[in-house]
Full PDB file with SEQRES, HELIX, SHEET, SSBOND, CRYST1, ORIGX, SCALE, CONECT and MASTER records, all heavy atoms in Angstrom:
SEQRES   1 A   38  GLN GLN ALA TYR SER ILE MET VAL TYR LEU GLU SER LYS          
SEQRES   2 A   38  LEU GLY GLU ARG GLY VAL VAL ALA PHE PHE LEU GLN HIS          
SEQRES   3 A   38  ALA SER LEU SER ALA VAL ASP PRO ARG ALA VAL ASP              
HELIX    1 AA1 GLN A    2  HIS A   26  1                                  25    
HELIX    2 AA2 PRO A   34  VAL A   37  1                                   4    
CRYST1    1.000    1.000    1.000  90.00  90.00  90.00 P 1           1          
ORIGX1      1.000000  0.000000  0.000000        0.00000                         
ORIGX2      0.000000  1.000000  0.000000        0.00000                         
ORIGX3      0.000000  0.000000  1.000000        0.00000                         
SCALE1      1.000000  0.000000  0.000000        0.00000                         
SCALE2      0.000000  1.000000  0.000000        0.00000                         
SCALE3      0.000000  0.000000  1.000000        0.00000                         
ATOM      1  N   GLN A   1      -7.535  44.717-101.788  1.00  0.00           N  
ATOM      2  CA  GLN A   1      -6.657  43.786-102.455  1.00  0.00           C  
ATOM      3  C   GLN A   1      -6.118  44.359-103.756  1.00  0.00           C  
ATOM      4  O   GLN A   1      -4.943  44.150-104.108  1.00  0.00           O  
ATOM      5  CB  GLN A   1      -7.413  42.465-102.710  1.00  0.00           C  
ATOM      6  CG  GLN A   1      -7.755  41.757-101.402  1.00  0.00           C  
ATOM      7  CD  GLN A   1      -8.512  40.461-101.626  1.00  0.00           C  
ATOM      8  OE1 GLN A   1      -8.287  39.767-102.604  1.00  0.00           O  
ATOM      9  NE2 GLN A   1      -9.401  40.109-100.713  1.00  0.00           N  
ATOM     10  N   GLN A   2      -6.944  45.125-104.456  1.00  0.00           N  
ATOM     11  CA  GLN A   2      -6.441  45.789-105.666  1.00  0.00           C  
ATOM     12  C   GLN A   2      -5.386  46.817-105.310  1.00  0.00           C  
ATOM     13  O   GLN A   2      -4.356  46.927-105.977  1.00  0.00           O  
ATOM     14  CB  GLN A   2      -7.618  46.469-106.385  1.00  0.00           C  
ATOM     15  CG  GLN A   2      -8.568  45.492-107.065  1.00  0.00           C  
ATOM     16  CD  GLN A   2      -9.756  46.196-107.702  1.00  0.00           C  
ATOM     17  OE1 GLN A   2     -10.175  47.279-107.266  1.00  0.00           O  
ATOM     18  NE2 GLN A   2     -10.337  45.583-108.718  1.00  0.00           N  
ATOM     19  N   ALA A   3      -5.619  47.550-104.241  1.00  0.00           N  
ATOM     20  CA  ALA A   3      -4.645  48.561-103.814  1.00  0.00           C  
ATOM     21  C   ALA A   3      -3.319  47.928-103.486  1.00  0.00           C  
ATOM     22  O   ALA A   3      -2.244  48.415-103.852  1.00  0.00           O  
ATOM     23  CB  ALA A   3      -5.176  49.331-102.616  1.00  0.00           C  
ATOM     24  N   TYR A   4      -3.364  46.817-102.764  1.00  0.00           N  
ATOM     25  CA  TYR A   4      -2.128  46.093-102.457  1.00  0.00           C  
ATOM     26  C   TYR A   4      -1.426  45.619-103.716  1.00  0.00           C  
ATOM     27  O   TYR A   4      -0.189  45.730-103.857  1.00  0.00           O  
ATOM     28  CB  TYR A   4      -2.452  44.896-101.538  1.00  0.00           C  
ATOM     29  CG  TYR A   4      -1.303  43.942-101.338  1.00  0.00           C  
ATOM     30  CD1 TYR A   4      -0.105  44.380-100.788  1.00  0.00           C  
ATOM     31  CD2 TYR A   4      -1.419  42.601-101.702  1.00  0.00           C  
ATOM     32  CE1 TYR A   4       0.948  43.506-100.615  1.00  0.00           C  
ATOM     33  CE2 TYR A   4      -0.367  41.731-101.537  1.00  0.00           C  
ATOM     34  CZ  TYR A   4       0.816  42.186-100.991  1.00  0.00           C  
ATOM     35  OH  TYR A   4       1.869  41.303-100.819  1.00  0.00           O  
ATOM     36  N   SER A   5      -2.201  45.112-104.658  1.00  0.00           N  
ATOM     37  CA  SER A   5      -1.599  44.590-105.889  1.00  0.00           C  
ATOM     38  C   SER A   5      -0.955  45.697-106.714  1.00  0.00           C  
ATOM     39  O   SER A   5       0.005  45.434-107.454  1.00  0.00           O  
ATOM     40  CB  SER A   5      -2.656  43.834-106.722  1.00  0.00           C  
ATOM     41  OG  SER A   5      -3.550  44.719-107.372  1.00  0.00           O  
ATOM     42  N   ILE A   6      -1.460  46.917-106.598  1.00  0.00           N  
ATOM     43  CA  ILE A   6      -0.824  48.041-107.306  1.00  0.00           C  
ATOM     44  C   ILE A   6       0.599  48.216-106.774  1.00  0.00           C  
ATOM     45  O   ILE A   6       1.565  48.421-107.559  1.00  0.00           O  
ATOM     46  CB  ILE A   6      -1.625  49.341-107.090  1.00  0.00           C  
ATOM     47  CG1 ILE A   6      -2.953  49.242-107.853  1.00  0.00           C  
ATOM     48  CG2 ILE A   6      -0.823  50.559-107.574  1.00  0.00           C  
ATOM     49  CD1 ILE A   6      -3.904  50.402-107.532  1.00  0.00           C  
ATOM     50  N   MET A   7       0.775  48.128-105.460  1.00  0.00           N  
ATOM     51  CA  MET A   7       2.118  48.288-104.889  1.00  0.00           C  
ATOM     52  C   MET A   7       3.047  47.139-105.309  1.00  0.00           C  
ATOM     53  O   MET A   7       4.217  47.329-105.566  1.00  0.00           O  
ATOM     54  CB  MET A   7       2.009  48.355-103.361  1.00  0.00           C  
ATOM     55  CG  MET A   7       1.227  49.516-102.841  1.00  0.00           C  
ATOM     56  SD  MET A   7       1.952  51.114-103.287  1.00  0.00           S  
ATOM     57  CE  MET A   7       0.535  51.927-104.043  1.00  0.00           C  
ATOM     58  N   VAL A   8       2.503  45.932-105.370  1.00  0.00           N  
ATOM     59  CA  VAL A   8       3.296  44.774-105.816  1.00  0.00           C  
ATOM     60  C   VAL A   8       3.706  44.992-107.277  1.00  0.00           C  
ATOM     61  O   VAL A   8       4.855  44.697-107.665  1.00  0.00           O  
ATOM     62  CB  VAL A   8       2.512  43.459-105.646  1.00  0.00           C  
ATOM     63  CG1 VAL A   8       3.324  42.282-106.177  1.00  0.00           C  
ATOM     64  CG2 VAL A   8       2.155  43.233-104.194  1.00  0.00           C  
ATOM     65  N   TYR A   9       2.786  45.500-108.090  1.00  0.00           N  
ATOM     66  CA  TYR A   9       3.088  45.806-109.461  1.00  0.00           C  
ATOM     67  C   TYR A   9       4.171  46.870-109.574  1.00  0.00           C  
ATOM     68  O   TYR A   9       5.132  46.714-110.333  1.00  0.00           O  
ATOM     69  CB  TYR A   9       1.829  46.261-110.182  1.00  0.00           C  
ATOM     70  CG  TYR A   9       2.079  47.017-111.466  1.00  0.00           C  
ATOM     71  CD1 TYR A   9       2.748  46.394-112.538  1.00  0.00           C  
ATOM     72  CD2 TYR A   9       1.648  48.331-111.629  1.00  0.00           C  
ATOM     73  CE1 TYR A   9       2.997  47.091-113.726  1.00  0.00           C  
ATOM     74  CE2 TYR A   9       1.881  49.018-112.808  1.00  0.00           C  
ATOM     75  CZ  TYR A   9       2.556  48.404-113.851  1.00  0.00           C  
ATOM     76  OH  TYR A   9       2.806  49.083-114.997  1.00  0.00           O  
ATOM     77  N   LEU A  10       4.036  47.938-108.799  1.00  0.00           N  
ATOM     78  CA  LEU A  10       5.032  48.995-108.819  1.00  0.00           C  
ATOM     79  C   LEU A  10       6.418  48.477-108.391  1.00  0.00           C  
ATOM     80  O   LEU A  10       7.442  48.889-108.933  1.00  0.00           O  
ATOM     81  CB  LEU A  10       4.599  50.166-107.943  1.00  0.00           C  
ATOM     82  CG  LEU A  10       3.414  50.980-108.454  1.00  0.00           C  
ATOM     83  CD1 LEU A  10       3.030  52.054-107.439  1.00  0.00           C  
ATOM     84  CD2 LEU A  10       3.747  51.619-109.791  1.00  0.00           C  
ATOM     85  N   GLU A  11       6.408  47.550-107.434  1.00  0.00           N  
ATOM     86  CA  GLU A  11       7.677  46.963-107.010  1.00  0.00           C  
ATOM     87  C   GLU A  11       8.356  46.199-108.166  1.00  0.00           C  
ATOM     88  O   GLU A  11       9.576  46.224-108.322  1.00  0.00           O  
ATOM     89  CB  GLU A  11       7.490  46.040-105.822  1.00  0.00           C  
ATOM     90  CG  GLU A  11       8.795  45.462-105.294  1.00  0.00           C  
ATOM     91  CD  GLU A  11       8.619  44.557-104.094  1.00  0.00           C  
ATOM     92  OE1 GLU A  11       7.462  44.188-103.777  1.00  0.00           O  
ATOM     93  OE2 GLU A  11       9.643  44.189-103.481  1.00  0.00           O  
ATOM     94  N   SER A  12       7.529  45.547-108.995  1.00  0.00           N  
ATOM     95  CA  SER A  12       8.106  44.830-110.129  1.00  0.00           C  
ATOM     96  C   SER A  12       8.741  45.764-111.150  1.00  0.00           C  
ATOM     97  O   SER A  12       9.638  45.355-111.892  1.00  0.00           O  
ATOM     98  CB  SER A  12       7.002  43.982-110.821  1.00  0.00           C  
ATOM     99  OG  SER A  12       6.103  44.812-111.571  1.00  0.00           O  
ATOM    100  N   LYS A  13       8.281  47.024-111.155  1.00  0.00           N  
ATOM    101  CA  LYS A  13       8.846  48.014-112.084  1.00  0.00           C  
ATOM    102  C   LYS A  13       9.940  48.849-111.446  1.00  0.00           C  
ATOM    103  O   LYS A  13      10.947  49.146-112.079  1.00  0.00           O  
ATOM    104  CB  LYS A  13       7.717  48.975-112.532  1.00  0.00           C  
ATOM    105  CG  LYS A  13       6.674  48.391-113.442  1.00  0.00           C  
ATOM    106  CD  LYS A  13       5.610  49.404-113.772  1.00  0.00           C  
ATOM    107  CE  LYS A  13       6.221  50.678-114.386  1.00  0.00           C  
ATOM    108  NZ  LYS A  13       5.195  51.695-114.704  1.00  0.00           N  
ATOM    109  N   LEU A  14       9.732  49.253-110.188  1.00  0.00           N  
ATOM    110  CA  LEU A  14      10.580  50.243-109.551  1.00  0.00           C  
ATOM    111  C   LEU A  14      11.537  49.688-108.525  1.00  0.00           C  
ATOM    112  O   LEU A  14      12.458  50.373-108.097  1.00  0.00           O  
ATOM    113  CB  LEU A  14       9.696  51.314-108.878  1.00  0.00           C  
ATOM    114  CG  LEU A  14       8.625  51.986-109.759  1.00  0.00           C  
ATOM    115  CD1 LEU A  14       7.771  52.917-108.898  1.00  0.00           C  
ATOM    116  CD2 LEU A  14       9.273  52.749-110.920  1.00  0.00           C  
ATOM    117  N   GLY A  15      11.261  48.451-108.054  1.00  0.00           N  
ATOM    118  CA  GLY A  15      12.032  47.912-106.972  1.00  0.00           C  
ATOM    119  C   GLY A  15      11.504  48.388-105.621  1.00  0.00           C  
ATOM    120  O   GLY A  15      10.659  49.260-105.549  1.00  0.00           O  
ATOM    121  N   GLU A  16      12.041  47.816-104.563  1.00  0.00           N  
ATOM    122  CA  GLU A  16      11.562  48.141-103.215  1.00  0.00           C  
ATOM    123  C   GLU A  16      11.725  49.620-102.892  1.00  0.00           C  
ATOM    124  O   GLU A  16      10.785  50.267-102.431  1.00  0.00           O  
ATOM    125  CB  GLU A  16      12.345  47.309-102.188  1.00  0.00           C  
ATOM    126  CG  GLU A  16      11.979  47.607-100.751  1.00  0.00           C  
ATOM    127  CD  GLU A  16      12.821  46.833 -99.757  1.00  0.00           C  
ATOM    128  OE1 GLU A  16      12.945  45.607 -99.947  1.00  0.00           O  
ATOM    129  OE2 GLU A  16      13.381  47.442 -98.823  1.00  0.00           O  
ATOM    130  N   ARG A  17      12.923  50.189-103.142  1.00  0.00           N  
ATOM    131  CA  ARG A  17      13.142  51.583-102.811  1.00  0.00           C  
ATOM    132  C   ARG A  17      12.269  52.485-103.686  1.00  0.00           C  
ATOM    133  O   ARG A  17      11.837  53.558-103.261  1.00  0.00           O  
ATOM    134  CB  ARG A  17      14.616  51.985-103.000  1.00  0.00           C  
ATOM    135  CG  ARG A  17      15.602  51.156-102.167  1.00  0.00           C  
ATOM    136  CD  ARG A  17      15.164  50.901-100.753  1.00  0.00           C  
ATOM    137  NE  ARG A  17      14.814  52.113-100.034  1.00  0.00           N  
ATOM    138  CZ  ARG A  17      14.179  52.140 -98.886  1.00  0.00           C  
ATOM    139  NH1 ARG A  17      13.767  51.008 -98.336  1.00  0.00           N  
ATOM    140  NH2 ARG A  17      13.898  53.276 -98.299  1.00  0.00           N  
ATOM    141  N   GLY A  18      12.001  52.030-104.899  1.00  0.00           N  
ATOM    142  CA  GLY A  18      11.129  52.795-105.791  1.00  0.00           C  
ATOM    143  C   GLY A  18       9.713  52.916-105.280  1.00  0.00           C  
ATOM    144  O   GLY A  18       9.069  53.950-105.440  1.00  0.00           O  
ATOM    145  N   VAL A  19       9.197  51.824-104.680  1.00  0.00           N  
ATOM    146  CA  VAL A  19       7.834  51.873-104.123  1.00  0.00           C  
ATOM    147  C   VAL A  19       7.779  52.879-102.976  1.00  0.00           C  
ATOM    148  O   VAL A  19       6.847  53.674-102.859  1.00  0.00           O  
ATOM    149  CB  VAL A  19       7.380  50.488-103.657  1.00  0.00           C  
ATOM    150  CG1 VAL A  19       6.031  50.578-102.951  1.00  0.00           C  
ATOM    151  CG2 VAL A  19       7.310  49.525-104.810  1.00  0.00           C  
ATOM    152  N   VAL A  20       8.772  52.841-102.098  1.00  0.00           N  
ATOM    153  CA  VAL A  20       8.823  53.789-100.987  1.00  0.00           C  
ATOM    154  C   VAL A  20       8.895  55.216-101.506  1.00  0.00           C  
ATOM    155  O   VAL A  20       8.177  56.106-101.026  1.00  0.00           O  
ATOM    156  CB  VAL A  20      10.010  53.487-100.054  1.00  0.00           C  
ATOM    157  CG1 VAL A  20      10.103  54.543 -98.956  1.00  0.00           C  
ATOM    158  CG2 VAL A  20       9.856  52.096 -99.419  1.00  0.00           C  
ATOM    159  N   ALA A  21       9.742  55.435-102.519  1.00  0.00           N  
ATOM    160  CA  ALA A  21       9.883  56.783-103.076  1.00  0.00           C  
ATOM    161  C   ALA A  21       8.574  57.234-103.722  1.00  0.00           C  
ATOM    162  O   ALA A  21       8.186  58.392-103.611  1.00  0.00           O  
ATOM    163  CB  ALA A  21      11.024  56.797-104.109  1.00  0.00           C  
ATOM    164  N   PHE A  22       7.881  56.300-104.406  1.00  0.00           N  
ATOM    165  CA  PHE A  22       6.614  56.629-105.031  1.00  0.00           C  
ATOM    166  C   PHE A  22       5.596  57.074-103.975  1.00  0.00           C  
ATOM    167  O   PHE A  22       4.894  58.073-104.143  1.00  0.00           O  
ATOM    168  CB  PHE A  22       6.082  55.417-105.790  1.00  0.00           C  
ATOM    169  CG  PHE A  22       4.786  55.644-106.499  1.00  0.00           C  
ATOM    170  CD1 PHE A  22       4.769  56.039-107.837  1.00  0.00           C  
ATOM    171  CD2 PHE A  22       3.556  55.468-105.863  1.00  0.00           C  
ATOM    172  CE1 PHE A  22       3.561  56.244-108.500  1.00  0.00           C  
ATOM    173  CE2 PHE A  22       2.369  55.669-106.513  1.00  0.00           C  
ATOM    174  CZ  PHE A  22       2.369  56.059-107.851  1.00  0.00           C  
ATOM    175  N   PHE A  23       5.548  56.311-102.885  1.00  0.00           N  
ATOM    176  CA  PHE A  23       4.611  56.680-101.819  1.00  0.00           C  
ATOM    177  C   PHE A  23       4.944  58.042-101.239  1.00  0.00           C  
ATOM    178  O   PHE A  23       4.066  58.897-101.080  1.00  0.00           O  
ATOM    179  CB  PHE A  23       4.627  55.617-100.718  1.00  0.00           C  
ATOM    180  CG  PHE A  23       3.828  55.986 -99.506  1.00  0.00           C  
ATOM    181  CD1 PHE A  23       2.452  55.847 -99.493  1.00  0.00           C  
ATOM    182  CD2 PHE A  23       4.451  56.526 -98.389  1.00  0.00           C  
ATOM    183  CE1 PHE A  23       1.691  56.221 -98.382  1.00  0.00           C  
ATOM    184  CE2 PHE A  23       3.705  56.905 -97.266  1.00  0.00           C  
ATOM    185  CZ  PHE A  23       2.335  56.739 -97.267  1.00  0.00           C  
ATOM    186  N   LEU A  24       6.204  58.247-100.908  1.00  0.00           N  
ATOM    187  CA  LEU A  24       6.604  59.531-100.301  1.00  0.00           C  
ATOM    188  C   LEU A  24       6.375  60.682-101.239  1.00  0.00           C  
ATOM    189  O   LEU A  24       6.065  61.800-100.789  1.00  0.00           O  
ATOM    190  CB  LEU A  24       8.055  59.466 -99.851  1.00  0.00           C  
ATOM    191  CG  LEU A  24       8.396  58.450 -98.760  1.00  0.00           C  
ATOM    192  CD1 LEU A  24       9.886  58.422 -98.486  1.00  0.00           C  
ATOM    193  CD2 LEU A  24       7.611  58.736 -97.490  1.00  0.00           C  
ATOM    194  N   GLN A  25       6.497  60.465-102.530  1.00  0.00           N  
ATOM    195  CA  GLN A  25       6.280  61.523-103.490  1.00  0.00           C  
ATOM    196  C   GLN A  25       4.814  61.922-103.606  1.00  0.00           C  
ATOM    197  O   GLN A  25       4.487  63.094-103.770  1.00  0.00           O  
ATOM    198  CB  GLN A  25       6.785  61.081-104.878  1.00  0.00           C  
ATOM    199  CG  GLN A  25       6.546  62.094-105.980  1.00  0.00           C  
ATOM    200  CD  GLN A  25       6.969  61.577-107.357  1.00  0.00           C  
ATOM    201  OE1 GLN A  25       7.550  60.489-107.460  1.00  0.00           O  
ATOM    202  NE2 GLN A  25       6.697  62.336-108.383  1.00  0.00           N  
ATOM    203  N   HIS A  26       3.916  60.934-103.458  1.00  0.00           N  
ATOM    204  CA  HIS A  26       2.509  61.186-103.734  1.00  0.00           C  
ATOM    205  C   HIS A  26       1.622  61.221-102.485  1.00  0.00           C  
ATOM    206  O   HIS A  26       0.469  61.690-102.579  1.00  0.00           O  
ATOM    207  CB  HIS A  26       1.948  60.103-104.674  1.00  0.00           C  
ATOM    208  CG  HIS A  26       2.554  60.146-106.039  1.00  0.00           C  
ATOM    209  ND1 HIS A  26       3.650  59.392-106.401  1.00  0.00           N  
ATOM    210  CD2 HIS A  26       2.235  60.865-107.155  1.00  0.00           C  
ATOM    211  CE1 HIS A  26       3.970  59.612-107.651  1.00  0.00           C  
ATOM    212  NE2 HIS A  26       3.130  60.501-108.152  1.00  0.00           N  
ATOM    213  N   ALA A  27       2.124  60.789-101.338  1.00  0.00           N  
ATOM    214  CA  ALA A  27       1.263  60.691-100.174  1.00  0.00           C  
ATOM    215  C   ALA A  27       0.791  62.057 -99.643  1.00  0.00           C  
ATOM    216  O   ALA A  27      -0.213  62.128 -98.947  1.00  0.00           O  
ATOM    217  CB  ALA A  27       1.959  59.934 -99.029  1.00  0.00           C  
ATOM    218  N   SER A  28       1.513  63.099 -99.948  1.00  0.00           N  
ATOM    219  CA  SER A  28       1.123  64.422 -99.499  1.00  0.00           C  
ATOM    220  C   SER A  28       0.134  65.107-100.438  1.00  0.00           C  
ATOM    221  O   SER A  28      -0.333  66.223-100.174  1.00  0.00           O  
ATOM    222  CB  SER A  28       2.373  65.319 -99.326  1.00  0.00           C  
ATOM    223  OG  SER A  28       3.023  65.471-100.616  1.00  0.00           O  
ATOM    224  N   LEU A  29      -0.252  64.419-101.506  1.00  0.00           N  
ATOM    225  CA  LEU A  29      -1.170  64.981-102.491  1.00  0.00           C  
ATOM    226  C   LEU A  29      -2.576  64.478-102.262  1.00  0.00           C  
ATOM    227  O   LEU A  29      -2.794  63.471-101.633  1.00  0.00           O  
ATOM    228  CB  LEU A  29      -0.709  64.599-103.905  1.00  0.00           C  
ATOM    229  CG  LEU A  29       0.754  64.926-104.253  1.00  0.00           C  
ATOM    230  CD1 LEU A  29       1.094  64.398-105.655  1.00  0.00           C  
ATOM    231  CD2 LEU A  29       1.009  66.420-104.149  1.00  0.00           C  
ATOM    232  N   SER A  30      -3.554  65.228-102.828  1.00  0.00           N  
ATOM    233  CA  SER A  30      -4.935  64.760-102.729  1.00  0.00           C  
ATOM    234  C   SER A  30      -5.386  63.923-103.902  1.00  0.00           C  
ATOM    235  O   SER A  30      -6.438  63.297-103.870  1.00  0.00           O  
ATOM    236  CB  SER A  30      -5.908  65.930-102.589  1.00  0.00           C  
ATOM    237  OG  SER A  30      -5.451  67.106-102.994  1.00  0.00           O  
ATOM    238  N   ALA A  31      -4.547  63.827-104.925  1.00  0.00           N  
ATOM    239  CA  ALA A  31      -4.872  63.012-106.085  1.00  0.00           C  
ATOM    240  C   ALA A  31      -3.573  62.569-106.738  1.00  0.00           C  
ATOM    241  O   ALA A  31      -2.552  63.247-106.638  1.00  0.00           O  
ATOM    242  CB  ALA A  31      -5.719  63.787-107.101  1.00  0.00           C  
ATOM    243  N   VAL A  32      -3.624  61.438-107.380  1.00  0.00           N  
ATOM    244  CA  VAL A  32      -2.485  60.903-108.116  1.00  0.00           C  
ATOM    245  C   VAL A  32      -2.939  60.602-109.526  1.00  0.00           C  
ATOM    246  O   VAL A  32      -3.952  59.940-109.746  1.00  0.00           O  
ATOM    247  CB  VAL A  32      -1.948  59.615-107.457  1.00  0.00           C  
ATOM    248  CG1 VAL A  32      -0.778  59.055-108.268  1.00  0.00           C  
ATOM    249  CG2 VAL A  32      -1.508  59.865-106.025  1.00  0.00           C  
ATOM    250  N   ASP A  33      -2.210  61.129-110.511  1.00  0.00           N  
ATOM    251  CA  ASP A  33      -2.521  60.907-111.894  1.00  0.00           C  
ATOM    252  C   ASP A  33      -2.436  59.409-112.176  1.00  0.00           C  
ATOM    253  O   ASP A  33      -1.409  58.788-111.922  1.00  0.00           O  
ATOM    254  CB  ASP A  33      -1.545  61.669-112.768  1.00  0.00           C  
ATOM    255  CG  ASP A  33      -1.929  61.652-114.254  1.00  0.00           C  
ATOM    256  OD1 ASP A  33      -2.547  60.672-114.693  1.00  0.00           O  
ATOM    257  OD2 ASP A  33      -1.581  62.618-114.948  1.00  0.00           O  
ATOM    258  N   PRO A  34      -3.505  58.802-112.684  1.00  0.00           N  
ATOM    259  CA  PRO A  34      -3.464  57.351-113.007  1.00  0.00           C  
ATOM    260  C   PRO A  34      -2.294  56.947-113.916  1.00  0.00           C  
ATOM    261  O   PRO A  34      -1.841  55.831-113.871  1.00  0.00           O  
ATOM    262  CB  PRO A  34      -4.798  57.093-113.679  1.00  0.00           C  
ATOM    263  CG  PRO A  34      -5.720  58.165-113.138  1.00  0.00           C  
ATOM    264  CD  PRO A  34      -4.825  59.374-112.969  1.00  0.00           C  
ATOM    265  N   ARG A  35      -1.827  57.918-114.712  1.00  0.00           N  
ATOM    266  CA  ARG A  35      -0.702  57.628-115.607  1.00  0.00           C  
ATOM    267  C   ARG A  35       0.569  57.352-114.815  1.00  0.00           C  
ATOM    268  O   ARG A  35       1.487  56.678-115.317  1.00  0.00           O  
ATOM    269  CB  ARG A  35      -0.491  58.793-116.554  1.00  0.00           C  
ATOM    270  CG  ARG A  35      -1.581  58.910-117.629  1.00  0.00           C  
ATOM    271  CD  ARG A  35      -1.403  60.134-118.480  1.00  0.00           C  
ATOM    272  NE  ARG A  35      -1.545  61.357-117.679  1.00  0.00           N  
ATOM    273  CZ  ARG A  35      -1.494  62.602-118.197  1.00  0.00           C  
ATOM    274  NH1 ARG A  35      -1.264  62.764-119.474  1.00  0.00           N  
ATOM    275  NH2 ARG A  35      -1.661  63.643-117.415  1.00  0.00           N  
ATOM    276  N   ALA A  36       0.635  57.839-113.561  1.00  0.00           N  
ATOM    277  CA  ALA A  36       1.796  57.566-112.736  1.00  0.00           C  
ATOM    278  C   ALA A  36       1.854  56.103-112.334  1.00  0.00           C  
ATOM    279  O   ALA A  36       2.926  55.562-112.053  1.00  0.00           O  
ATOM    280  CB  ALA A  36       1.787  58.444-111.483  1.00  0.00           C  
ATOM    281  N   VAL A  37       0.688  55.445-112.332  1.00  0.00           N  
ATOM    282  CA  VAL A  37       0.596  54.020-112.004  1.00  0.00           C  
ATOM    283  C   VAL A  37       0.685  53.173-113.263  1.00  0.00           C  
ATOM    284  O   VAL A  37       1.272  52.109-113.248  1.00  0.00           O  
ATOM    285  CB  VAL A  37      -0.692  53.708-111.243  1.00  0.00           C  
ATOM    286  CG1 VAL A  37      -0.850  52.212-111.006  1.00  0.00           C  
ATOM    287  CG2 VAL A  37      -0.738  54.467-109.913  1.00  0.00           C  
ATOM    288  N   ASP A  38       0.127  53.705-114.351  1.00  0.00           N  
ATOM    289  CA  ASP A  38       0.025  52.941-115.615  1.00  0.00           C  
ATOM    290  C   ASP A  38      -0.973  51.783-115.440  1.00  0.00           C  
ATOM    291  O   ASP A  38      -0.574  50.629-115.274  1.00  0.00           O  
ATOM    292  CB  ASP A  38       1.386  52.448-116.088  1.00  0.00           C  
ATOM    293  CG  ASP A  38       1.320  51.653-117.401  1.00  0.00           C  
ATOM    294  OD1 ASP A  38       0.264  51.678-118.064  1.00  0.00           O  
ATOM    295  OD2 ASP A  38       2.306  50.972-117.716  1.00  0.00           O  
TER     296      ASP A  38                                                      
MASTER        0    0    0    2    0    0    0    6  295    1    0    3          
END                                                                             
């Protein structure tokens, strides 16, 4: 549920296309800098 809420939060900042772009940018990595989420 926390993971889902992160995406909802990112949508409030980045918009729908921004969430998809965020996922595509980071999904190929083994770690994501927490600062990218804030």
